[in-house]
Amino acid sequence: MSSDLLQGEILVGFGVSLANIAIHAIMMAVLVWTAHRASIITRDAHARLRLIVVMWSTVTVLMFAHLCEVIVWGATYDLLNAVPHGADAFYFAFVNYTTLGYGDIVPATRWRLLGPLTAMNGVLLFGWSTAVIYDILRTVANVIPMTGAAVRSADR
């Protein structure tokens, strides 16, 4: 364990994770602004359409955030030559970040811990995104008056 730490795997993985957390935090500020703007723009729209637009804009911003974070991991893999020559570092980063783990590309032995660190970072950021989606949906549902069958079934 100490040799891995001294070789920098954990330090590099932690640094890239912190960079991605910063990206995610910035994108959360963009997301709050975007959801607010979508809500204002659709103020006069039907409640369901308004909900669709707010949620669509929310998930779009989150997808963009995750894509940026995968790009950071891919650039890191590429910079460190952590994937075999000819292998796609972006693809490798994406597979690890999403915890898909095909296993068709194996990292260089020197950087073998970056894959699990990438996966850990992805799981944390996907969890954060899920919490934000839920919170925005809950907030919007409380602010936008829903009518019709949804309201009638809630009254029972």
N, C-alpha and C. Protein backbone atom coordinates (compact mmCIF):
# COMPACT_ATOMS: atom_id res chain seq x y z
N MET A 1 0.82 -1.19 0.00
CA MET A 1 0.00 0.00 0.00
C MET A 1 0.86 1.26 0.00
N SER A 2 1.89 1.29 0.84
CA SER A 2 2.70 2.50 0.94
C SER A 2 3.45 2.78 -0.36
N SER A 3 3.85 1.73 -1.09
CA SER A 3 4.56 1.97 -2.34
C SER A 3 3.63 2.62 -3.36
N ASP A 4 2.36 2.22 -3.37
CA ASP A 4 1.39 2.85 -4.28
C ASP A 4 1.21 4.32 -3.92
N LEU A 5 1.10 4.58 -2.64
CA LEU A 5 0.92 5.95 -2.18
C LEU A 5 2.14 6.79 -2.54
N LEU A 6 3.34 6.23 -2.32
CA LEU A 6 4.56 6.96 -2.63
C LEU A 6 4.73 7.16 -4.12
N GLN A 7 4.25 6.22 -4.92
CA GLN A 7 4.37 6.36 -6.37
C GLN A 7 3.38 7.39 -6.91
N GLY A 8 2.44 7.80 -6.09
CA GLY A 8 1.56 8.89 -6.48
C GLY A 8 0.20 8.50 -6.99
N GLU A 9 -0.12 7.23 -7.07
CA GLU A 9 -1.42 6.83 -7.61
C GLU A 9 -2.57 7.44 -6.81
N ILE A 10 -2.52 7.28 -5.51
CA ILE A 10 -3.60 7.77 -4.66
C ILE A 10 -3.63 9.29 -4.70
N LEU A 11 -2.46 9.90 -4.66
CA LEU A 11 -2.38 11.36 -4.69
C LEU A 11 -2.95 11.91 -6.00
N VAL A 12 -2.56 11.32 -7.11
CA VAL A 12 -3.08 11.76 -8.41
C VAL A 12 -4.59 11.54 -8.48
N GLY A 13 -5.05 10.36 -8.07
CA GLY A 13 -6.48 10.06 -8.09
C GLY A 13 -7.28 11.00 -7.22
N PHE A 14 -6.74 11.31 -6.05
CA PHE A 14 -7.40 12.24 -5.14
C PHE A 14 -7.44 13.64 -5.74
N GLY A 15 -6.33 14.05 -6.35
CA GLY A 15 -6.29 15.38 -6.99
C GLY A 15 -7.29 15.51 -8.13
N VAL A 16 -7.37 14.49 -8.98
CA VAL A 16 -8.33 14.53 -10.09
C VAL A 16 -9.76 14.49 -9.54
N SER A 17 -9.98 13.71 -8.50
CA SER A 17 -11.31 13.67 -7.87
C SER A 17 -11.70 15.03 -7.33
N LEU A 18 -10.75 15.72 -6.67
CA LEU A 18 -11.03 17.06 -6.16
C LEU A 18 -11.34 18.04 -7.29
N ALA A 19 -10.60 17.92 -8.40
CA ALA A 19 -10.88 18.78 -9.56
C ALA A 19 -12.29 18.52 -10.08
N ASN A 20 -12.69 17.25 -10.12
CA ASN A 20 -14.03 16.92 -10.59
C ASN A 20 -15.11 17.37 -9.62
N ILE A 21 -14.83 17.31 -8.33
CA ILE A 21 -15.79 17.82 -7.35
C ILE A 21 -15.96 19.33 -7.54
N ALA A 22 -14.88 20.03 -7.84
CA ALA A 22 -14.97 21.47 -8.11
C ALA A 22 -15.80 21.73 -9.37
N ILE A 23 -15.57 20.94 -10.41
CA ILE A 23 -16.37 21.08 -11.63
C ILE A 23 -17.84 20.85 -11.32
N HIS A 24 -18.12 19.82 -10.53
CA HIS A 24 -19.51 19.49 -10.19
C HIS A 24 -20.14 20.62 -9.37
N ALA A 25 -19.38 21.20 -8.45
CA ALA A 25 -19.90 22.31 -7.64
C ALA A 25 -20.22 23.52 -8.52
N ILE A 26 -19.34 23.82 -9.45
CA ILE A 26 -19.59 24.93 -10.39
C ILE A 26 -20.84 24.63 -11.22
N MET A 27 -20.93 23.40 -11.70
CA MET A 27 -22.09 23.03 -12.51
C MET A 27 -23.38 23.04 -11.69
N MET A 28 -23.29 22.83 -10.39
CA MET A 28 -24.49 22.92 -9.54
C MET A 28 -24.98 24.36 -9.50
N ALA A 29 -24.05 25.32 -9.48
CA ALA A 29 -24.44 26.74 -9.53
C ALA A 29 -25.11 27.04 -10.88
N VAL A 30 -24.53 26.52 -11.95
CA VAL A 30 -25.14 26.68 -13.28
C VAL A 30 -26.52 26.02 -13.30
N LEU A 31 -26.62 24.87 -12.69
CA LEU A 31 -27.88 24.12 -12.66
C LEU A 31 -28.97 24.89 -11.92
N VAL A 32 -28.64 25.47 -10.78
CA VAL A 32 -29.64 26.24 -10.02
C VAL A 32 -30.12 27.41 -10.88
N TRP A 33 -29.19 28.10 -11.54
CA TRP A 33 -29.56 29.21 -12.40
C TRP A 33 -30.43 28.73 -13.57
N THR A 34 -30.03 27.61 -14.19
CA THR A 34 -30.77 27.07 -15.34
C THR A 34 -32.18 26.64 -14.95
N ALA A 35 -32.30 25.93 -13.84
CA ALA A 35 -33.63 25.48 -13.40
C ALA A 35 -34.51 26.68 -13.06
N HIS A 36 -33.91 27.68 -12.43
CA HIS A 36 -34.67 28.90 -12.10
C HIS A 36 -35.13 29.61 -13.38
N ARG A 37 -34.22 29.75 -14.34
CA ARG A 37 -34.58 30.41 -15.61
C ARG A 37 -35.65 29.61 -16.35
N ALA A 38 -35.51 28.29 -16.38
CA ALA A 38 -36.51 27.47 -17.07
C ALA A 38 -37.87 27.62 -16.40
N SER A 39 -37.88 27.74 -15.10
CA SER A 39 -39.13 27.91 -14.36
C SER A 39 -39.76 29.26 -14.68
N ILE A 40 -38.93 30.30 -14.76
CA ILE A 40 -39.45 31.64 -15.07
C ILE A 40 -39.96 31.70 -16.50
N ILE A 41 -39.20 31.16 -17.43
CA ILE A 41 -39.57 31.20 -18.85
C ILE A 41 -40.89 30.47 -19.10
N THR A 42 -41.11 29.41 -18.36
CA THR A 42 -42.31 28.59 -18.57
C THR A 42 -43.42 28.92 -17.56
N ARG A 43 -43.31 30.07 -16.92
CA ARG A 43 -44.28 30.46 -15.88
C ARG A 43 -45.73 30.34 -16.34
N ASP A 44 -46.00 30.74 -17.58
CA ASP A 44 -47.37 30.72 -18.09
C ASP A 44 -47.74 29.42 -18.79
N ALA A 45 -46.84 28.48 -18.84
CA ALA A 45 -47.10 27.20 -19.51
C ALA A 45 -47.90 26.28 -18.61
N HIS A 46 -48.45 25.26 -19.21
CA HIS A 46 -49.18 24.22 -18.46
C HIS A 46 -48.22 23.59 -17.45
N ALA A 47 -48.73 23.23 -16.30
CA ALA A 47 -47.90 22.72 -15.20
C ALA A 47 -47.03 21.54 -15.61
N ARG A 48 -47.59 20.60 -16.36
CA ARG A 48 -46.80 19.43 -16.76
C ARG A 48 -45.69 19.80 -17.73
N LEU A 49 -45.99 20.71 -18.66
CA LEU A 49 -44.97 21.17 -19.60
C LEU A 49 -43.86 21.90 -18.84
N ARG A 50 -44.24 22.69 -17.90
CA ARG A 50 -43.26 23.42 -17.09
C ARG A 50 -42.36 22.44 -16.33
N LEU A 51 -42.95 21.43 -15.75
CA LEU A 51 -42.18 20.41 -15.04
C LEU A 51 -41.22 19.69 -15.99
N ILE A 52 -41.69 19.35 -17.16
CA ILE A 52 -40.85 18.68 -18.16
C ILE A 52 -39.66 19.55 -18.55
N VAL A 53 -39.90 20.83 -18.80
CA VAL A 53 -38.83 21.73 -19.23
C VAL A 53 -37.79 21.91 -18.11
N VAL A 54 -38.26 22.08 -16.88
CA VAL A 54 -37.33 22.25 -15.76
C VAL A 54 -36.50 20.98 -15.56
N MET A 55 -37.12 19.83 -15.60
CA MET A 55 -36.39 18.58 -15.40
C MET A 55 -35.45 18.29 -16.58
N TRP A 56 -35.90 18.58 -17.78
CA TRP A 56 -35.05 18.39 -18.96
C TRP A 56 -33.80 19.25 -18.86
N SER A 57 -33.97 20.51 -18.49
CA SER A 57 -32.82 21.40 -18.38
C SER A 57 -31.89 20.94 -17.25
N THR A 58 -32.46 20.45 -16.17
CA THR A 58 -31.67 19.95 -15.05
C THR A 58 -30.79 18.78 -15.47
N VAL A 59 -31.39 17.80 -16.09
CA VAL A 59 -30.64 16.60 -16.48
C VAL A 59 -29.64 16.92 -17.58
N THR A 60 -29.97 17.85 -18.47
CA THR A 60 -29.02 18.25 -19.52
C THR A 60 -27.75 18.84 -18.91
N VAL A 61 -27.91 19.72 -17.95
CA VAL A 61 -26.74 20.32 -17.29
C VAL A 61 -25.93 19.24 -16.57
N LEU A 62 -26.61 18.32 -15.91
CA LEU A 62 -25.90 17.25 -15.20
C LEU A 62 -25.16 16.32 -16.17
N MET A 63 -25.77 16.01 -17.29
CA MET A 63 -25.08 15.17 -18.29
C MET A 63 -23.81 15.88 -18.78
N PHE A 64 -23.92 17.17 -19.02
CA PHE A 64 -22.75 17.94 -19.47
C PHE A 64 -21.67 17.94 -18.39
N ALA A 65 -22.07 18.09 -17.13
CA ALA A 65 -21.10 18.07 -16.02
C ALA A 65 -20.36 16.74 -15.99
N HIS A 66 -21.09 15.64 -16.07
CA HIS A 66 -20.44 14.32 -16.03
C HIS A 66 -19.52 14.11 -17.23
N LEU A 67 -19.93 14.59 -18.39
CA LEU A 67 -19.09 14.47 -19.57
C LEU A 67 -17.77 15.23 -19.38
N CYS A 68 -17.85 16.43 -18.82
CA CYS A 68 -16.63 17.20 -18.53
C CYS A 68 -15.73 16.45 -17.55
N GLU A 69 -16.32 15.83 -16.56
CA GLU A 69 -15.55 15.11 -15.56
C GLU A 69 -14.87 13.87 -16.16
N VAL A 70 -15.55 13.20 -17.05
CA VAL A 70 -14.94 12.05 -17.74
C VAL A 70 -13.78 12.54 -18.61
N ILE A 71 -13.94 13.68 -19.24
CA ILE A 71 -12.86 14.25 -20.06
C ILE A 71 -11.63 14.53 -19.20
N VAL A 72 -11.83 15.03 -17.99
CA VAL A 72 -10.71 15.29 -17.08
C VAL A 72 -9.99 13.98 -16.76
N TRP A 73 -10.75 12.93 -16.45
CA TRP A 73 -10.12 11.63 -16.18
C TRP A 73 -9.40 11.12 -17.42
N GLY A 74 -10.02 11.23 -18.58
CA GLY A 74 -9.39 10.76 -19.82
C GLY A 74 -8.09 11.50 -20.11
N ALA A 75 -8.10 12.81 -19.90
CA ALA A 75 -6.88 13.60 -20.11
C ALA A 75 -5.80 13.17 -19.13
N THR A 76 -6.20 12.86 -17.92
CA THR A 76 -5.24 12.40 -16.91
C THR A 76 -4.62 11.07 -17.33
N TYR A 77 -5.46 10.13 -17.75
CA TYR A 77 -4.95 8.84 -18.22
C TYR A 77 -3.99 9.03 -19.39
N ASP A 78 -4.36 9.92 -20.30
CA ASP A 78 -3.54 10.17 -21.48
C ASP A 78 -2.20 10.81 -21.08
N LEU A 79 -2.26 11.80 -20.21
CA LEU A 79 -1.07 12.50 -19.77
C LEU A 79 -0.08 11.57 -19.06
N LEU A 80 -0.61 10.63 -18.30
CA LEU A 80 0.24 9.71 -17.53
C LEU A 80 0.63 8.45 -18.31
N ASN A 81 0.11 8.33 -19.54
CA ASN A 81 0.30 7.10 -20.31
C ASN A 81 -0.16 5.89 -19.50
N ALA A 82 -1.32 6.03 -18.87
CA ALA A 82 -1.83 4.99 -17.99
C ALA A 82 -2.57 3.88 -18.73
N VAL A 83 -2.86 4.11 -19.99
CA VAL A 83 -3.50 3.06 -20.79
C VAL A 83 -2.50 2.60 -21.86
N PRO A 84 -2.63 1.37 -22.30
CA PRO A 84 -1.69 0.85 -23.31
C PRO A 84 -1.68 1.70 -24.58
N HIS A 85 -0.55 1.71 -25.26
CA HIS A 85 -0.41 2.45 -26.52
C HIS A 85 -1.51 2.03 -27.49
N GLY A 86 -2.18 2.99 -28.07
CA GLY A 86 -3.24 2.72 -29.03
C GLY A 86 -4.62 2.59 -28.40
N ALA A 87 -4.68 2.51 -27.09
CA ALA A 87 -5.98 2.41 -26.41
C ALA A 87 -6.57 3.81 -26.25
N ASP A 88 -7.87 3.87 -26.17
CA ASP A 88 -8.59 5.13 -26.06
C ASP A 88 -8.74 5.51 -24.58
N ALA A 89 -8.01 6.52 -24.16
CA ALA A 89 -8.04 6.94 -22.75
C ALA A 89 -9.41 7.47 -22.35
N PHE A 90 -10.09 8.18 -23.25
CA PHE A 90 -11.43 8.70 -22.95
C PHE A 90 -12.41 7.54 -22.72
N TYR A 91 -12.35 6.56 -23.59
CA TYR A 91 -13.22 5.38 -23.44
C TYR A 91 -12.93 4.67 -22.12
N PHE A 92 -11.66 4.49 -21.82
CA PHE A 92 -11.27 3.82 -20.59
C PHE A 92 -11.77 4.60 -19.37
N ALA A 93 -11.65 5.94 -19.43
CA ALA A 93 -12.13 6.78 -18.33
C ALA A 93 -13.64 6.66 -18.18
N PHE A 94 -14.34 6.66 -19.30
CA PHE A 94 -15.81 6.57 -19.28
C PHE A 94 -16.26 5.24 -18.67
N VAL A 95 -15.63 4.17 -19.08
CA VAL A 95 -15.99 2.84 -18.57
C VAL A 95 -15.74 2.76 -17.06
N ASN A 96 -14.66 3.34 -16.60
CA ASN A 96 -14.37 3.34 -15.16
C ASN A 96 -15.30 4.28 -14.40
N TYR A 97 -15.49 5.48 -14.91
CA TYR A 97 -16.30 6.50 -14.24
C TYR A 97 -17.74 6.02 -14.02
N THR A 98 -18.27 5.31 -14.98
CA THR A 98 -19.64 4.80 -14.88
C THR A 98 -19.70 3.45 -14.18
N THR A 99 -18.59 2.93 -13.75
CA THR A 99 -18.44 1.62 -13.11
C THR A 99 -18.91 0.48 -14.00
N LEU A 100 -18.93 0.70 -15.31
CA LEU A 100 -19.32 -0.34 -16.24
C LEU A 100 -18.30 -1.47 -16.25
N GLY A 101 -17.03 -1.10 -16.33
CA GLY A 101 -15.95 -2.06 -16.18
C GLY A 101 -15.92 -3.20 -17.19
N TYR A 102 -15.88 -2.90 -18.47
CA TYR A 102 -15.79 -3.95 -19.48
C TYR A 102 -14.56 -4.83 -19.28
N GLY A 103 -13.45 -4.22 -18.93
CA GLY A 103 -12.22 -4.98 -18.74
C GLY A 103 -11.47 -5.25 -20.03
N ASP A 104 -11.89 -4.62 -21.12
CA ASP A 104 -11.20 -4.83 -22.40
C ASP A 104 -9.90 -4.04 -22.51
N ILE A 105 -9.72 -3.05 -21.64
CA ILE A 105 -8.47 -2.31 -21.57
C ILE A 105 -7.98 -2.41 -20.13
N VAL A 106 -6.75 -2.76 -19.97
CA VAL A 106 -6.16 -2.88 -18.64
C VAL A 106 -5.13 -1.76 -18.50
N PRO A 107 -5.18 -1.02 -17.39
CA PRO A 107 -4.25 0.10 -17.24
C PRO A 107 -2.82 -0.39 -17.02
N ALA A 108 -1.88 0.52 -17.23
CA ALA A 108 -0.48 0.23 -16.93
C ALA A 108 -0.38 -0.12 -15.45
N THR A 109 0.43 -1.08 -15.12
CA THR A 109 0.57 -1.55 -13.74
C THR A 109 0.83 -0.40 -12.78
N ARG A 110 1.65 0.53 -13.19
CA ARG A 110 2.02 1.68 -12.36
C ARG A 110 0.79 2.50 -11.95
N TRP A 111 -0.28 2.50 -12.76
CA TRP A 111 -1.46 3.34 -12.52
C TRP A 111 -2.73 2.51 -12.30
N ARG A 112 -2.59 1.29 -11.88
CA ARG A 112 -3.75 0.39 -11.77
C ARG A 112 -4.82 0.85 -10.77
N LEU A 113 -4.46 1.66 -9.79
CA LEU A 113 -5.44 2.13 -8.81
C LEU A 113 -6.28 3.31 -9.32
N LEU A 114 -5.87 3.91 -10.44
CA LEU A 114 -6.66 5.04 -10.96
C LEU A 114 -8.04 4.60 -11.42
N GLY A 115 -8.17 3.38 -11.92
CA GLY A 115 -9.48 2.89 -12.35
C GLY A 115 -10.48 2.86 -11.21
N PRO A 116 -10.15 2.19 -10.10
CA PRO A 116 -11.07 2.20 -8.97
C PRO A 116 -11.30 3.59 -8.39
N LEU A 117 -10.28 4.44 -8.40
CA LEU A 117 -10.47 5.80 -7.90
C LEU A 117 -11.41 6.58 -8.82
N THR A 118 -11.30 6.34 -10.12
CA THR A 118 -12.22 6.96 -11.08
C THR A 118 -13.65 6.49 -10.80
N ALA A 119 -13.81 5.20 -10.58
CA ALA A 119 -15.14 4.65 -10.30
C ALA A 119 -15.71 5.23 -9.01
N MET A 120 -14.89 5.34 -7.99
CA MET A 120 -15.34 5.91 -6.72
C MET A 120 -15.80 7.35 -6.93
N ASN A 121 -15.05 8.12 -7.69
CA ASN A 121 -15.40 9.49 -7.99
C ASN A 121 -16.72 9.56 -8.76
N GLY A 122 -16.87 8.69 -9.75
CA GLY A 122 -18.11 8.67 -10.53
C GLY A 122 -19.32 8.32 -9.68
N VAL A 123 -19.19 7.33 -8.81
CA VAL A 123 -20.31 6.94 -7.94
C VAL A 123 -20.71 8.10 -7.04
N LEU A 124 -19.73 8.77 -6.45
CA LEU A 124 -20.04 9.91 -5.59
C LEU A 124 -20.75 11.02 -6.36
N LEU A 125 -20.25 11.34 -7.55
CA LEU A 125 -20.84 12.43 -8.31
C LEU A 125 -22.19 12.06 -8.90
N PHE A 126 -22.39 10.79 -9.27
CA PHE A 126 -23.72 10.36 -9.72
C PHE A 126 -24.71 10.41 -8.56
N GLY A 127 -24.26 10.05 -7.36
CA GLY A 127 -25.12 10.15 -6.19
C GLY A 127 -25.52 11.58 -5.91
N TRP A 128 -24.55 12.48 -6.01
CA TRP A 128 -24.81 13.90 -5.81
C TRP A 128 -25.83 14.38 -6.84
N SER A 129 -25.65 13.99 -8.09
CA SER A 129 -26.57 14.37 -9.16
C SER A 129 -27.98 13.84 -8.89
N THR A 130 -28.07 12.61 -8.44
CA THR A 130 -29.37 12.02 -8.14
C THR A 130 -30.08 12.81 -7.04
N ALA A 131 -29.34 13.18 -6.02
CA ALA A 131 -29.92 13.98 -4.93
C ALA A 131 -30.41 15.33 -5.45
N VAL A 132 -29.66 15.94 -6.34
CA VAL A 132 -30.05 17.24 -6.89
C VAL A 132 -31.30 17.09 -7.77
N ILE A 133 -31.34 16.05 -8.59
CA ILE A 133 -32.54 15.83 -9.42
C ILE A 133 -33.76 15.67 -8.52
N TYR A 134 -33.63 14.87 -7.48
CA TYR A 134 -34.75 14.66 -6.56
C TYR A 134 -35.16 15.98 -5.90
N ASP A 135 -34.19 16.76 -5.43
CA ASP A 135 -34.50 18.01 -4.76
C ASP A 135 -35.19 18.99 -5.69
N ILE A 136 -34.70 19.10 -6.92
CA ILE A 136 -35.33 20.02 -7.87
C ILE A 136 -36.74 19.54 -8.21
N LEU A 137 -36.91 18.24 -8.41
CA LEU A 137 -38.24 17.70 -8.70
C LEU A 137 -39.18 17.98 -7.54
N ARG A 138 -38.72 17.76 -6.32
CA ARG A 138 -39.54 18.01 -5.13
C ARG A 138 -39.89 19.49 -5.02
N THR A 139 -38.90 20.35 -5.23
CA THR A 139 -39.11 21.79 -5.14
C THR A 139 -40.08 22.27 -6.21
N VAL A 140 -39.87 21.82 -7.44
CA VAL A 140 -40.74 22.23 -8.54
C VAL A 140 -42.16 21.72 -8.32
N ALA A 141 -42.29 20.49 -7.85
CA ALA A 141 -43.62 19.93 -7.60
C ALA A 141 -44.35 20.71 -6.51
N ASN A 142 -43.62 21.26 -5.55
CA ASN A 142 -44.24 22.06 -4.50
C ASN A 142 -44.60 23.46 -4.98
N VAL A 143 -43.84 23.98 -5.95
CA VAL A 143 -44.06 25.34 -6.43
C VAL A 143 -45.08 25.38 -7.55
N ILE A 144 -45.03 24.39 -8.45
CA ILE A 144 -45.94 24.38 -9.60
C ILE A 144 -47.22 23.68 -9.19
N PRO A 145 -48.34 24.39 -9.26
CA PRO A 145 -49.60 23.74 -8.89
C PRO A 145 -49.99 22.68 -9.91
N MET A 146 -50.10 21.46 -9.44
CA MET A 146 -50.51 20.36 -10.31
C MET A 146 -52.02 20.24 -10.21
N THR A 147 -52.65 19.96 -11.32
CA THR A 147 -54.10 19.80 -11.34
C THR A 147 -54.46 18.47 -11.96
N GLY A 148 -55.71 18.12 -11.87
CA GLY A 148 -56.19 16.93 -12.55
C GLY A 148 -56.05 15.68 -11.71
N ALA A 149 -55.78 14.57 -12.37
CA ALA A 149 -55.77 13.25 -11.73
C ALA A 149 -54.72 13.14 -10.63
N ALA A 150 -53.55 13.78 -10.80
CA ALA A 150 -52.51 13.70 -9.79
C ALA A 150 -52.98 14.31 -8.47
N VAL A 151 -53.68 15.43 -8.56
CA VAL A 151 -54.17 16.10 -7.35
C VAL A 151 -55.31 15.30 -6.73
N ARG A 152 -56.23 14.80 -7.57
CA ARG A 152 -57.36 14.01 -7.06
C ARG A 152 -56.88 12.76 -6.35
N SER A 153 -55.86 12.08 -6.87
CA SER A 153 -55.39 10.84 -6.23
C SER A 153 -54.63 11.16 -4.94
N ALA A 154 -54.00 12.33 -4.86
CA ALA A 154 -53.29 12.72 -3.64
C ALA A 154 -54.26 13.09 -2.52
N ASP A 155 -55.46 13.55 -2.90
CA ASP A 155 -56.46 13.93 -1.91
C ASP A 155 -57.09 12.74 -1.23
N ARG A 156 -56.99 11.59 -1.80
CA ARG A 156 -57.65 10.39 -1.23
C ARG A 156 -56.95 9.87 -0.06
